[in-house]
Amino acid sequence: MRQVSKWHTLADGTKCAKWLGNGDVRGFRPVPDGYGCKADLVEIHPVTGKRMKNSEWWIFLTPER
């Protein structure tokens, strides 16, 4: 089973994906070269901007500049 859903690219070049894995989201690996990584518990869907019924863990990969 994959640990994340399909990757989405946001306007600023950040990539995000919903965490599907079991266990601690902070254990996500590998982080691609040239990206910083963070996990965030969100209530607003990062792609659609709509409020979600429940909070979800998402992974965000931000390009290092």
N, C-alpha and C. Protein backbone atom coordinates (compact mmCIF):
# COMPACT_ATOMS: atom_id res chain seq x y z
N MET A 1 0.83 -1.19 0.00
CA MET A 1 0.00 0.00 0.00
C MET A 1 0.87 1.25 0.00
N ARG A 2 0.49 2.22 -0.83
CA ARG A 2 1.21 3.49 -0.85
C ARG A 2 0.94 4.25 0.43
N GLN A 3 1.89 5.06 0.82
CA GLN A 3 1.72 5.85 2.04
C GLN A 3 1.04 7.19 1.78
N VAL A 4 1.02 7.65 0.53
CA VAL A 4 0.39 8.93 0.22
C VAL A 4 -0.51 8.78 -1.00
N SER A 5 -1.46 9.72 -1.12
CA SER A 5 -2.32 9.74 -2.29
C SER A 5 -1.56 10.34 -3.47
N LYS A 6 -2.27 10.61 -4.54
CA LYS A 6 -1.67 11.26 -5.71
C LYS A 6 -1.10 12.62 -5.31
N TRP A 7 0.06 12.97 -5.87
CA TRP A 7 0.69 14.27 -5.60
C TRP A 7 -0.01 15.35 -6.40
N HIS A 8 -0.24 16.49 -5.76
CA HIS A 8 -0.83 17.67 -6.39
C HIS A 8 0.21 18.78 -6.35
N THR A 9 0.29 19.58 -7.40
CA THR A 9 1.21 20.72 -7.42
C THR A 9 0.40 21.99 -7.21
N LEU A 10 0.80 22.78 -6.21
CA LEU A 10 0.13 24.04 -5.90
C LEU A 10 0.79 25.17 -6.70
N ALA A 11 0.20 26.35 -6.69
CA ALA A 11 0.65 27.48 -7.50
C ALA A 11 2.11 27.89 -7.24
N ASP A 12 2.57 27.75 -6.01
CA ASP A 12 3.94 28.18 -5.68
C ASP A 12 4.98 27.09 -5.91
N GLY A 13 4.60 25.98 -6.53
CA GLY A 13 5.52 24.88 -6.80
C GLY A 13 5.56 23.83 -5.71
N THR A 14 4.87 24.07 -4.61
CA THR A 14 4.79 23.09 -3.53
C THR A 14 3.97 21.89 -4.00
N LYS A 15 4.41 20.70 -3.63
CA LYS A 15 3.66 19.48 -3.93
C LYS A 15 3.03 18.99 -2.63
N CYS A 16 1.81 18.48 -2.72
CA CYS A 16 1.15 17.98 -1.52
C CYS A 16 0.42 16.69 -1.83
N ALA A 17 0.28 15.86 -0.80
CA ALA A 17 -0.42 14.59 -0.92
C ALA A 17 -0.98 14.21 0.44
N LYS A 18 -2.16 13.60 0.43
CA LYS A 18 -2.79 13.14 1.66
C LYS A 18 -2.05 11.92 2.20
N TRP A 19 -1.82 11.88 3.50
CA TRP A 19 -1.16 10.75 4.15
C TRP A 19 -2.13 9.59 4.27
N LEU A 20 -1.77 8.45 3.70
CA LEU A 20 -2.60 7.25 3.78
C LEU A 20 -1.96 6.15 4.62
N GLY A 21 -0.70 6.34 4.96
CA GLY A 21 0.05 5.29 5.63
C GLY A 21 -0.39 5.05 7.06
N ASN A 22 -0.02 3.89 7.55
CA ASN A 22 -0.22 3.56 8.95
C ASN A 22 0.98 4.06 9.73
N GLY A 23 0.78 4.41 10.95
CA GLY A 23 1.89 4.85 11.76
C GLY A 23 2.09 6.35 11.70
N ASP A 24 3.27 6.78 12.10
CA ASP A 24 3.59 8.19 12.28
C ASP A 24 3.89 8.86 10.95
N VAL A 25 3.15 9.91 10.63
CA VAL A 25 3.34 10.65 9.38
C VAL A 25 4.74 11.26 9.30
N ARG A 26 5.36 11.54 10.43
CA ARG A 26 6.70 12.14 10.42
C ARG A 26 7.76 11.20 9.89
N GLY A 27 7.41 9.93 9.73
CA GLY A 27 8.36 8.97 9.19
C GLY A 27 8.38 8.91 7.67
N PHE A 28 7.69 9.83 6.99
CA PHE A 28 7.64 9.81 5.53
C PHE A 28 9.04 9.91 4.95
N ARG A 29 9.37 9.00 4.05
CA ARG A 29 10.65 8.98 3.34
C ARG A 29 10.41 8.36 1.98
N PRO A 30 11.17 8.62 0.99
CA PRO A 30 12.29 9.57 0.94
C PRO A 30 11.81 10.94 0.49
N VAL A 31 12.53 11.96 0.90
CA VAL A 31 12.26 13.33 0.45
C VAL A 31 13.17 13.58 -0.75
N PRO A 32 12.60 13.98 -1.89
CA PRO A 32 13.43 14.21 -3.08
C PRO A 32 14.45 15.33 -2.87
N ASP A 33 15.58 15.23 -3.54
CA ASP A 33 16.60 16.28 -3.48
C ASP A 33 16.00 17.60 -3.94
N GLY A 34 16.36 18.68 -3.28
CA GLY A 34 15.89 20.01 -3.64
C GLY A 34 14.57 20.40 -3.02
N TYR A 35 14.03 19.57 -2.12
CA TYR A 35 12.76 19.86 -1.47
C TYR A 35 12.89 19.79 0.04
N GLY A 36 12.16 20.66 0.71
CA GLY A 36 11.97 20.56 2.15
C GLY A 36 10.64 19.85 2.37
N CYS A 37 10.48 19.19 3.51
CA CYS A 37 9.27 18.40 3.74
C CYS A 37 8.68 18.74 5.10
N LYS A 38 7.34 18.82 5.14
CA LYS A 38 6.65 18.97 6.42
C LYS A 38 5.33 18.22 6.36
N ALA A 39 4.86 17.81 7.50
CA ALA A 39 3.55 17.18 7.64
C ALA A 39 2.66 18.16 8.39
N ASP A 40 1.41 18.28 7.97
CA ASP A 40 0.50 19.22 8.60
C ASP A 40 -0.89 18.60 8.70
N LEU A 41 -1.52 18.78 9.83
CA LEU A 41 -2.89 18.34 10.05
C LEU A 41 -3.79 19.49 9.59
N VAL A 42 -4.52 19.29 8.49
CA VAL A 42 -5.27 20.39 7.88
C VAL A 42 -6.78 20.17 7.98
N GLU A 43 -7.51 21.28 8.04
CA GLU A 43 -8.96 21.26 8.04
C GLU A 43 -9.52 21.81 6.73
N ILE A 44 -8.69 22.56 6.00
CA ILE A 44 -9.06 23.12 4.70
C ILE A 44 -8.30 22.34 3.64
N HIS A 45 -9.00 21.81 2.64
CA HIS A 45 -8.36 21.03 1.59
C HIS A 45 -7.36 21.91 0.85
N PRO A 46 -6.08 21.51 0.78
CA PRO A 46 -5.06 22.37 0.19
C PRO A 46 -5.24 22.62 -1.31
N VAL A 47 -5.95 21.78 -2.01
CA VAL A 47 -6.14 21.94 -3.46
C VAL A 47 -7.43 22.71 -3.76
N THR A 48 -8.53 22.33 -3.13
CA THR A 48 -9.82 22.95 -3.43
C THR A 48 -10.13 24.17 -2.57
N GLY A 49 -9.50 24.26 -1.39
CA GLY A 49 -9.76 25.37 -0.49
C GLY A 49 -11.05 25.22 0.31
N LYS A 50 -11.70 24.08 0.20
CA LYS A 50 -12.96 23.85 0.92
C LYS A 50 -12.71 23.18 2.27
N ARG A 51 -13.55 23.54 3.24
CA ARG A 51 -13.46 22.92 4.57
C ARG A 51 -13.80 21.44 4.46
N MET A 52 -12.99 20.61 5.12
CA MET A 52 -13.22 19.17 5.11
C MET A 52 -14.05 18.77 6.33
N LYS A 53 -14.72 17.65 6.23
CA LYS A 53 -15.54 17.15 7.33
C LYS A 53 -14.67 16.81 8.55
N ASN A 54 -13.52 16.20 8.30
CA ASN A 54 -12.58 15.82 9.36
C ASN A 54 -11.18 16.32 8.99
N SER A 55 -10.37 16.57 10.00
CA SER A 55 -8.98 16.94 9.76
C SER A 55 -8.22 15.75 9.18
N GLU A 56 -7.25 16.04 8.31
CA GLU A 56 -6.45 14.98 7.69
C GLU A 56 -4.97 15.40 7.68
N TRP A 57 -4.11 14.40 7.76
CA TRP A 57 -2.68 14.65 7.64
C TRP A 57 -2.31 14.73 6.17
N TRP A 58 -1.55 15.76 5.82
CA TRP A 58 -1.03 15.95 4.45
C TRP A 58 0.47 16.17 4.53
N ILE A 59 1.16 15.70 3.49
CA ILE A 59 2.60 15.91 3.33
C ILE A 59 2.78 17.06 2.34
N PHE A 60 3.67 18.00 2.66
CA PHE A 60 3.97 19.12 1.77
C PHE A 60 5.46 19.11 1.44
N LEU A 61 5.78 19.11 0.16
CA LEU A 61 7.15 19.20 -0.32
C LEU A 61 7.34 20.58 -0.94
N THR A 62 8.21 21.38 -0.32
CA THR A 62 8.42 22.75 -0.78
C THR A 62 9.80 22.85 -1.44
N PRO A 63 9.84 23.41 -2.67
CA PRO A 63 11.14 23.55 -3.34
C PRO A 63 12.07 24.44 -2.53
N GLU A 64 13.31 24.02 -2.37
CA GLU A 64 14.31 24.85 -1.67
C GLU A 64 14.84 25.85 -2.67
N ARG A 65 14.92 27.09 -2.27
CA ARG A 65 15.37 28.15 -3.18
C ARG A 65 16.70 28.67 -2.77
